[in-house]
Amino acid sequence: MTDRYEGAFFGRRKGKPLSPKRSALMENELPRLGLDLTAPPPGDLAQLFDGPVREVWLEVGFGGGEHLLHRARENPDVGFIGVEPFIGSMAKAVSAIVSEGIKNIRLHDDDAVDVLDWLPEASLDLAYQLYPDPWPKKRHWKRRFVNAKNLDRYARVLKPGAEFRFASDIDTYVDWTLRHCHDHPAFEWTAECADDWRRPWAGWPGTRYEAKALREGRVPRYLTFRRSATI
């Protein structure tokens, strides 16, 4: 892959050791659920999923998986690609997918840049990035996933008119994202009034990161950008 930051956009990958059950699930089930980035992508991403799907959505950095799993249960006719490098979070998602027999999720447990570079052009109907690592220290801002090159990647894989959705409780990252998307010719901010970025999207289940932010007095912001039909 080319034009990527020299170093991951995420921090540590490991936390507490997995239980034997979850370790076995990761070993036996993740290969089945995971994307094979060594093979060419299908011309129609619907072929990645076990059942028929009408759209394909991407969530970069799904954390505890609350949103990814909720959306997949809510929309069985939508295929979901979830990316999460943190092993504990991935194991939690794999456990839920297997125990519930969820058929419309595929996973990747490493850098989302590789997935964005692998996906065909104009193949996604929606992309989410929810409460990403804000890298709050200024010297680390270059590690924020939202940047000009990664917006190029999102723009390439999103269909014209599709949305890129972003949520954060960190003011500097919200401002950062607004500025970068404003400066990118492929994205238009859809907000028409303050409530458009103060209120979450329809069917929003919340996440544990959001709950923590609210407990600590931080205010979440929900940004929606539309992929321009022409650039």
C-alpha atoms as a PDB file:
ATOM      1  CA  MET A   1       0.000   0.000   0.000  1.00  0.00           C
ATOM      2  CA  THR A   2       1.175   3.528  -0.690  1.00  0.00           C
ATOM      3  CA  ASP A   3       0.824   7.030   0.750  1.00  0.00           C
ATOM      4  CA  ARG A   4       0.174   5.909   4.292  1.00  0.00           C
ATOM      5  CA  TYR A   5       1.436   7.295   7.554  1.00  0.00           C
ATOM      6  CA  GLU A   6       4.603   5.540   8.727  1.00  0.00           C
ATOM      7  CA  GLY A   7       3.023   3.989  11.773  1.00  0.00           C
ATOM      8  CA  ALA A   8      -0.521   2.901  12.539  1.00  0.00           C
ATOM      9  CA  PHE A   9      -3.429   5.294  13.022  1.00  0.00           C
ATOM     10  CA  PHE A  10      -4.358   3.277  16.112  1.00  0.00           C
ATOM     11  CA  GLY A  11      -2.611   2.661  19.421  1.00  0.00           C
ATOM     12  CA  ARG A  12      -2.213  -0.578  21.346  1.00  0.00           C
ATOM     13  CA  ARG A  13      -3.847  -3.718  19.988  1.00  0.00           C
ATOM     14  CA  LYS A  14      -3.839  -5.938  23.061  1.00  0.00           C
ATOM     15  CA  GLY A  15      -5.470  -5.578  26.462  1.00  0.00           C
ATOM     16  CA  LYS A  16      -6.446  -8.306  28.919  1.00  0.00           C
ATOM     17  CA  PRO A  17      -5.803 -11.879  27.742  1.00  0.00           C
ATOM     18  CA  LEU A  18      -8.743 -13.468  25.988  1.00  0.00           C
ATOM     19  CA  SER A  19     -10.653 -16.301  27.596  1.00  0.00           C
ATOM     20  CA  PRO A  20     -10.011 -19.748  26.104  1.00  0.00           C
ATOM     21  CA  LYS A  21     -13.456 -19.648  24.469  1.00  0.00           C
ATOM     22  CA  ARG A  22     -12.846 -16.315  22.781  1.00  0.00           C
ATOM     23  CA  SER A  23      -9.333 -17.321  21.780  1.00  0.00           C
ATOM     24  CA  ALA A  24     -10.796 -20.370  20.039  1.00  0.00           C
ATOM     25  CA  LEU A  25     -13.426 -18.225  18.314  1.00  0.00           C
ATOM     26  CA  MET A  26     -10.752 -15.857  17.041  1.00  0.00           C
ATOM     27  CA  GLU A  27      -8.688 -18.754  15.726  1.00  0.00           C
ATOM     28  CA  ASN A  28     -11.546 -20.694  14.167  1.00  0.00           C
ATOM     29  CA  GLU A  29     -14.134 -18.107  13.149  1.00  0.00           C
ATOM     30  CA  LEU A  30     -12.301 -14.871  12.330  1.00  0.00           C
ATOM     31  CA  PRO A  31     -10.694 -16.375   9.194  1.00  0.00           C
ATOM     32  CA  ARG A  32     -14.200 -17.231   7.935  1.00  0.00           C
ATOM     33  CA  LEU A  33     -15.607 -13.803   8.783  1.00  0.00           C
ATOM     34  CA  GLY A  34     -12.565 -11.793   7.770  1.00  0.00           C
ATOM     35  CA  LEU A  35     -11.873 -10.138   4.432  1.00  0.00           C
ATOM     36  CA  ASP A  36      -9.184 -11.737   2.309  1.00  0.00           C
ATOM     37  CA  LEU A  37      -7.224  -8.698   1.165  1.00  0.00           C
ATOM     38  CA  THR A  38      -4.762 -10.895  -0.728  1.00  0.00           C
ATOM     39  CA  ALA A  39      -7.474 -11.741  -3.259  1.00  0.00           C
ATOM     40  CA  PRO A  40      -9.024  -9.265  -5.692  1.00  0.00           C
ATOM     41  CA  PRO A  41     -12.277  -7.783  -4.362  1.00  0.00           C
ATOM     42  CA  PRO A  42     -15.489  -8.940  -6.013  1.00  0.00           C
ATOM     43  CA  GLY A  43     -16.939  -6.571  -8.566  1.00  0.00           C
ATOM     44  CA  ASP A  44     -20.121  -6.566  -6.496  1.00  0.00           C
ATOM     45  CA  LEU A  45     -19.436  -6.402  -2.752  1.00  0.00           C
ATOM     46  CA  ALA A  46     -22.739  -8.158  -2.089  1.00  0.00           C
ATOM     47  CA  GLN A  47     -20.876 -11.363  -2.975  1.00  0.00           C
ATOM     48  CA  LEU A  48     -18.948 -11.062   0.306  1.00  0.00           C
ATOM     49  CA  PHE A  49     -22.040 -11.955   2.329  1.00  0.00           C
ATOM     50  CA  ASP A  50     -23.942 -15.179   2.892  1.00  0.00           C
ATOM     51  CA  GLY A  51     -27.360 -13.715   2.059  1.00  0.00           C
ATOM     52  CA  PRO A  52     -28.637 -11.131  -0.426  1.00  0.00           C
ATOM     53  CA  VAL A  53     -27.887  -7.514   0.489  1.00  0.00           C
ATOM     54  CA  ARG A  54     -29.049  -4.309  -1.202  1.00  0.00           C
ATOM     55  CA  GLU A  55     -26.292  -2.015   0.143  1.00  0.00           C
ATOM     56  CA  VAL A  56     -22.869  -2.238   1.786  1.00  0.00           C
ATOM     57  CA  TRP A  57     -21.848  -0.042   4.730  1.00  0.00           C
ATOM     58  CA  LEU A  58     -18.413   0.359   6.339  1.00  0.00           C
ATOM     59  CA  GLU A  59     -17.579   1.136   9.964  1.00  0.00           C
ATOM     60  CA  VAL A  60     -13.960   2.053  10.667  1.00  0.00           C
ATOM     61  CA  GLY A  61     -12.939   1.405  14.271  1.00  0.00           C
ATOM     62  CA  PHE A  62     -16.086  -0.196  15.684  1.00  0.00           C
ATOM     63  CA  GLY A  63     -14.788  -0.322  19.265  1.00  0.00           C
ATOM     64  CA  GLY A  64     -17.077  -2.408  21.442  1.00  0.00           C
ATOM     65  CA  GLY A  65     -19.206  -3.263  18.419  1.00  0.00           C
ATOM     66  CA  GLU A  66     -22.461  -1.865  19.857  1.00  0.00           C
ATOM     67  CA  HIS A  67     -23.243   0.220  16.799  1.00  0.00           C
ATOM     68  CA  LEU A  68     -22.055  -2.314  14.213  1.00  0.00           C
ATOM     69  CA  LEU A  69     -24.065  -5.166  15.718  1.00  0.00           C
ATOM     70  CA  HIS A  70     -27.160  -3.004  16.247  1.00  0.00           C
ATOM     71  CA  ARG A  71     -27.162  -1.805  12.641  1.00  0.00           C
ATOM     72  CA  ALA A  72     -26.598  -5.326  11.305  1.00  0.00           C
ATOM     73  CA  ARG A  73     -29.513  -6.706  13.332  1.00  0.00           C
ATOM     74  CA  GLU A  74     -31.688  -3.750  12.326  1.00  0.00           C
ATOM     75  CA  ASN A  75     -30.822  -4.051   8.617  1.00  0.00           C
ATOM     76  CA  PRO A  76     -30.462  -7.724   7.646  1.00  0.00           C
ATOM     77  CA  ASP A  77     -30.557  -6.735   3.967  1.00  0.00           C
ATOM     78  CA  VAL A  78     -27.478  -4.512   4.325  1.00  0.00           C
ATOM     79  CA  GLY A  79     -23.945  -5.908   4.287  1.00  0.00           C
ATOM     80  CA  PHE A  80     -21.569  -4.479   6.888  1.00  0.00           C
ATOM     81  CA  ILE A  81     -17.785  -4.331   6.848  1.00  0.00           C
ATOM     82  CA  GLY A  82     -16.374  -3.653  10.306  1.00  0.00           C
ATOM     83  CA  VAL A  83     -12.744  -2.725  10.939  1.00  0.00           C
ATOM     84  CA  GLU A  84     -11.217  -2.875  14.430  1.00  0.00           C
ATOM     85  CA  PRO A  85      -7.556  -3.546  15.285  1.00  0.00           C
ATOM     86  CA  PHE A  86      -8.035  -3.958  19.060  1.00  0.00           C
ATOM     87  CA  ILE A  87      -8.084  -7.692  19.737  1.00  0.00           C
ATOM     88  CA  GLY A  88     -10.453  -7.626  22.720  1.00  0.00           C
ATOM     89  CA  SER A  89     -13.069  -5.646  20.797  1.00  0.00           C
ATOM     90  CA  MET A  90     -12.762  -7.880  17.753  1.00  0.00           C
ATOM     91  CA  ALA A  91     -13.170 -10.992  19.903  1.00  0.00           C
ATOM     92  CA  LYS A  92     -16.320  -9.538  21.473  1.00  0.00           C
ATOM     93  CA  ALA A  93     -17.804  -8.864  18.037  1.00  0.00           C
ATOM     94  CA  VAL A  94     -16.872 -12.300  16.694  1.00  0.00           C
ATOM     95  CA  SER A  95     -18.502 -13.922  19.731  1.00  0.00           C
ATOM     96  CA  ALA A  96     -21.778 -12.059  19.150  1.00  0.00           C
ATOM     97  CA  ILE A  97     -21.789 -12.706  15.398  1.00  0.00           C
ATOM     98  CA  VAL A  98     -21.264 -16.441  15.874  1.00  0.00           C
ATOM     99  CA  SER A  99     -23.659 -16.890  18.792  1.00  0.00           C
ATOM    100  CA  GLU A 100     -26.449 -14.987  17.021  1.00  0.00           C
ATOM    101  CA  GLY A 101     -25.750 -16.403  13.577  1.00  0.00           C
ATOM    102  CA  ILE A 102     -25.423 -12.935  12.033  1.00  0.00           C
ATOM    103  CA  LYS A 103     -24.766 -13.352   8.313  1.00  0.00           C
ATOM    104  CA  ASN A 104     -24.342  -9.777   7.089  1.00  0.00           C
ATOM    105  CA  ILE A 105     -21.044  -8.738   8.719  1.00  0.00           C
ATOM    106  CA  ARG A 106     -17.505  -9.136   7.438  1.00  0.00           C
ATOM    107  CA  LEU A 107     -14.481  -8.071   9.479  1.00  0.00           C
ATOM    108  CA  HIS A 108     -10.916  -6.818   9.282  1.00  0.00           C
ATOM    109  CA  ASP A 109      -8.646  -6.763  12.329  1.00  0.00           C
ATOM    110  CA  ASP A 110      -5.907  -4.418  11.152  1.00  0.00           C
ATOM    111  CA  ASP A 111      -5.483  -1.014   9.517  1.00  0.00           C
ATOM    112  CA  ALA A 112      -8.538   0.422   7.757  1.00  0.00           C
ATOM    113  CA  VAL A 113      -6.265   1.985   5.135  1.00  0.00           C
ATOM    114  CA  ASP A 114      -5.706  -1.478   3.690  1.00  0.00           C
ATOM    115  CA  VAL A 115      -9.460  -2.070   3.398  1.00  0.00           C
ATOM    116  CA  LEU A 116     -10.075   1.315   1.776  1.00  0.00           C
ATOM    117  CA  ASP A 117      -7.307   0.641  -0.742  1.00  0.00           C
ATOM    118  CA  TRP A 118      -8.703  -2.847  -1.486  1.00  0.00           C
ATOM    119  CA  LEU A 119     -12.347  -1.886  -2.014  1.00  0.00           C
ATOM    120  CA  PRO A 120     -13.522  -1.172  -5.567  1.00  0.00           C
ATOM    121  CA  GLU A 121     -14.246   2.368  -6.644  1.00  0.00           C
ATOM    122  CA  ALA A 122     -17.759   3.662  -5.802  1.00  0.00           C
ATOM    123  CA  SER A 123     -18.685   0.438  -3.988  1.00  0.00           C
ATOM    124  CA  LEU A 124     -19.959   1.715  -0.604  1.00  0.00           C
ATOM    125  CA  ASP A 125     -23.347   3.194   0.220  1.00  0.00           C
ATOM    126  CA  LEU A 126     -22.371   4.579   3.654  1.00  0.00           C
ATOM    127  CA  ALA A 127     -19.286   4.884   5.869  1.00  0.00           C
ATOM    128  CA  TYR A 128     -19.091   5.525   9.606  1.00  0.00           C
ATOM    129  CA  GLN A 129     -16.263   6.619  11.856  1.00  0.00           C
ATOM    130  CA  LEU A 130     -17.516   6.865  15.446  1.00  0.00           C
ATOM    131  CA  TYR A 131     -15.477   8.161  18.378  1.00  0.00           C
ATOM    132  CA  PRO A 132     -12.082   7.473  16.810  1.00  0.00           C
ATOM    133  CA  ASP A 133      -8.922   7.889  18.832  1.00  0.00           C
ATOM    134  CA  PRO A 134      -8.588  11.709  18.996  1.00  0.00           C
ATOM    135  CA  TRP A 135      -4.828  11.716  19.538  1.00  0.00           C
ATOM    136  CA  PRO A 136      -5.300  14.823  21.723  1.00  0.00           C
ATOM    137  CA  LYS A 137      -1.648  15.896  21.914  1.00  0.00           C
ATOM    138  CA  LYS A 138      -0.817  18.216  19.048  1.00  0.00           C
ATOM    139  CA  ARG A 139       2.358  16.334  18.173  1.00  0.00           C
ATOM    140  CA  HIS A 140       0.190  13.248  17.543  1.00  0.00           C
ATOM    141  CA  TRP A 141      -2.426  14.927  15.348  1.00  0.00           C
ATOM    142  CA  LYS A 142      -0.737  13.473  12.255  1.00  0.00           C
ATOM    143  CA  ARG A 143      -2.010  10.087  13.477  1.00  0.00           C
ATOM    144  CA  ARG A 144      -5.658  11.131  13.287  1.00  0.00           C
ATOM    145  CA  PHE A 145      -7.350   8.963  10.696  1.00  0.00           C
ATOM    146  CA  VAL A 146      -9.242  11.843   9.141  1.00  0.00           C
ATOM    147  CA  ASN A 147      -6.734  13.534   6.874  1.00  0.00           C
ATOM    148  CA  ALA A 148      -6.546  14.580   3.234  1.00  0.00           C
ATOM    149  CA  LYS A 149      -5.196  11.236   1.969  1.00  0.00           C
ATOM    150  CA  ASN A 150      -7.718   9.135   3.849  1.00  0.00           C
ATOM    151  CA  LEU A 151     -10.546  11.388   2.706  1.00  0.00           C
ATOM    152  CA  ASP A 152      -9.292  10.690  -0.819  1.00  0.00           C
ATOM    153  CA  ARG A 153      -9.672   7.014   0.027  1.00  0.00           C
ATOM    154  CA  TYR A 154     -13.210   7.470   1.372  1.00  0.00           C
ATOM    155  CA  ALA A 155     -14.118   9.567  -1.674  1.00  0.00           C
ATOM    156  CA  ARG A 156     -12.867   6.850  -4.032  1.00  0.00           C
ATOM    157  CA  VAL A 157     -14.918   4.030  -2.497  1.00  0.00           C
ATOM    158  CA  LEU A 158     -18.131   5.904  -1.673  1.00  0.00           C
ATOM    159  CA  LYS A 159     -20.816   6.114  -4.328  1.00  0.00           C
ATOM    160  CA  PRO A 160     -21.799   9.605  -5.453  1.00  0.00           C
ATOM    161  CA  GLY A 161     -24.433  10.869  -3.020  1.00  0.00           C
ATOM    162  CA  ALA A 162     -23.385   8.414  -0.286  1.00  0.00           C
ATOM    163  CA  GLU A 163     -22.667   9.672   3.226  1.00  0.00           C
ATOM    164  CA  PHE A 164     -19.615   9.702   5.459  1.00  0.00           C
ATOM    165  CA  ARG A 165     -20.686   9.977   9.113  1.00  0.00           C
ATOM    166  CA  PHE A 166     -18.401  10.996  11.949  1.00  0.00           C
ATOM    167  CA  ALA A 167     -19.009  11.295  15.694  1.00  0.00           C
ATOM    168  CA  SER A 168     -16.718  12.597  18.428  1.00  0.00           C
ATOM    169  CA  ASP A 169     -16.872  14.253  21.839  1.00  0.00           C
ATOM    170  CA  ILE A 170     -13.481  15.941  21.394  1.00  0.00           C
ATOM    171  CA  ASP A 171     -13.891  19.528  20.185  1.00  0.00           C
ATOM    172  CA  THR A 172     -10.487  19.697  18.527  1.00  0.00           C
ATOM    173  CA  TYR A 173     -11.192  16.562  16.498  1.00  0.00           C
ATOM    174  CA  VAL A 174     -14.661  17.786  15.503  1.00  0.00           C
ATOM    175  CA  ASP A 175     -13.128  21.060  14.304  1.00  0.00           C
ATOM    176  CA  TRP A 176     -10.321  19.135  12.605  1.00  0.00           C
ATOM    177  CA  THR A 177     -12.788  16.935  10.728  1.00  0.00           C
ATOM    178  CA  LEU A 178     -14.985  19.846   9.685  1.00  0.00           C
ATOM    179  CA  ARG A 179     -11.969  21.710   8.342  1.00  0.00           C
ATOM    180  CA  HIS A 180     -10.560  18.720   6.453  1.00  0.00           C
ATOM    181  CA  CYS A 181     -13.911  17.794   4.916  1.00  0.00           C
ATOM    182  CA  HIS A 182     -14.629  21.426   4.046  1.00  0.00           C
ATOM    183  CA  ASP A 183     -11.287  21.600   2.241  1.00  0.00           C
ATOM    184  CA  HIS A 184     -11.898  18.364   0.339  1.00  0.00           C
ATOM    185  CA  PRO A 185     -13.740  18.817  -2.969  1.00  0.00           C
ATOM    186  CA  ALA A 186     -15.553  15.472  -2.697  1.00  0.00           C
ATOM    187  CA  PHE A 187     -17.440  16.189   0.538  1.00  0.00           C
ATOM    188  CA  GLU A 188     -20.289  18.510   1.478  1.00  0.00           C
ATOM    189  CA  TRP A 189     -21.424  19.043   5.076  1.00  0.00           C
ATOM    190  CA  THR A 190     -25.174  18.445   5.147  1.00  0.00           C
ATOM    191  CA  ALA A 191     -26.026  20.398   8.332  1.00  0.00           C
ATOM    192  CA  GLU A 192     -28.583  23.153   7.917  1.00  0.00           C
ATOM    193  CA  CYS A 193     -29.078  24.016  11.598  1.00  0.00           C
ATOM    194  CA  ALA A 194     -27.346  23.303  14.915  1.00  0.00           C
ATOM    195  CA  ASP A 195     -29.636  20.395  15.763  1.00  0.00           C
ATOM    196  CA  ASP A 196     -28.346  18.582  12.683  1.00  0.00           C
ATOM    197  CA  TRP A 197     -24.988  18.046  14.394  1.00  0.00           C
ATOM    198  CA  ARG A 198     -26.188  17.936  17.991  1.00  0.00           C
ATOM    199  CA  ARG A 199     -28.555  15.009  17.503  1.00  0.00           C
ATOM    200  CA  PRO A 200     -27.450  11.492  16.521  1.00  0.00           C
ATOM    201  CA  TRP A 201     -28.726   9.714  13.460  1.00  0.00           C
ATOM    202  CA  ALA A 202     -32.037   7.861  13.363  1.00  0.00           C
ATOM    203  CA  GLY A 203     -31.948   4.536  15.157  1.00  0.00           C
ATOM    204  CA  TRP A 204     -28.810   5.497  17.075  1.00  0.00           C
ATOM    205  CA  PRO A 205     -28.063   2.859  19.763  1.00  0.00           C
ATOM    206  CA  GLY A 206     -25.306   4.792  21.532  1.00  0.00           C
ATOM    207  CA  THR A 207     -21.873   3.383  22.310  1.00  0.00           C
ATOM    208  CA  ARG A 208     -19.914   2.843  25.503  1.00  0.00           C
ATOM    209  CA  TYR A 209     -17.530   5.600  24.438  1.00  0.00           C
ATOM    210  CA  GLU A 210     -20.433   8.001  24.102  1.00  0.00           C
ATOM    211  CA  ALA A 211     -21.791   6.967  27.515  1.00  0.00           C
ATOM    212  CA  LYS A 212     -18.383   7.664  29.059  1.00  0.00           C
ATOM    213  CA  ALA A 213     -18.214  11.073  27.376  1.00  0.00           C
ATOM    214  CA  LEU A 214     -21.634  12.031  28.718  1.00  0.00           C
ATOM    215  CA  ARG A 215     -20.727  10.875  32.236  1.00  0.00           C
ATOM    216  CA  GLU A 216     -17.613  13.046  32.097  1.00  0.00           C
ATOM    217  CA  GLY A 217     -19.496  16.085  30.828  1.00  0.00           C
ATOM    218  CA  ARG A 218     -18.342  16.109  27.204  1.00  0.00           C
ATOM    219  CA  VAL A 219     -20.809  16.825  24.426  1.00  0.00           C
ATOM    220  CA  PRO A 220     -20.948  14.487  21.417  1.00  0.00           C
ATOM    221  CA  ARG A 221     -21.200  15.898  17.914  1.00  0.00           C
ATOM    222  CA  TYR A 222     -22.568  14.030  14.903  1.00  0.00           C
ATOM    223  CA  LEU A 223     -21.347  15.144  11.488  1.00  0.00           C
ATOM    224  CA  THR A 224     -22.712  14.001   8.140  1.00  0.00           C
ATOM    225  CA  PHE A 225     -20.926  14.646   4.857  1.00  0.00           C
ATOM    226  CA  ARG A 226     -22.268  13.778   1.435  1.00  0.00           C
ATOM    227  CA  ARG A 227     -20.037  12.471  -1.310  1.00  0.00           C
ATOM    228  CA  SER A 228     -20.390  14.950  -4.136  1.00  0.00           C
ATOM    229  CA  ALA A 229     -21.796  13.652  -7.391  1.00  0.00           C
ATOM    230  CA  THR A 230     -19.058  15.514  -9.268  1.00  0.00           C
ATOM    231  CA  ILE A 231     -15.666  16.841  -8.207  1.00  0.00           C
END
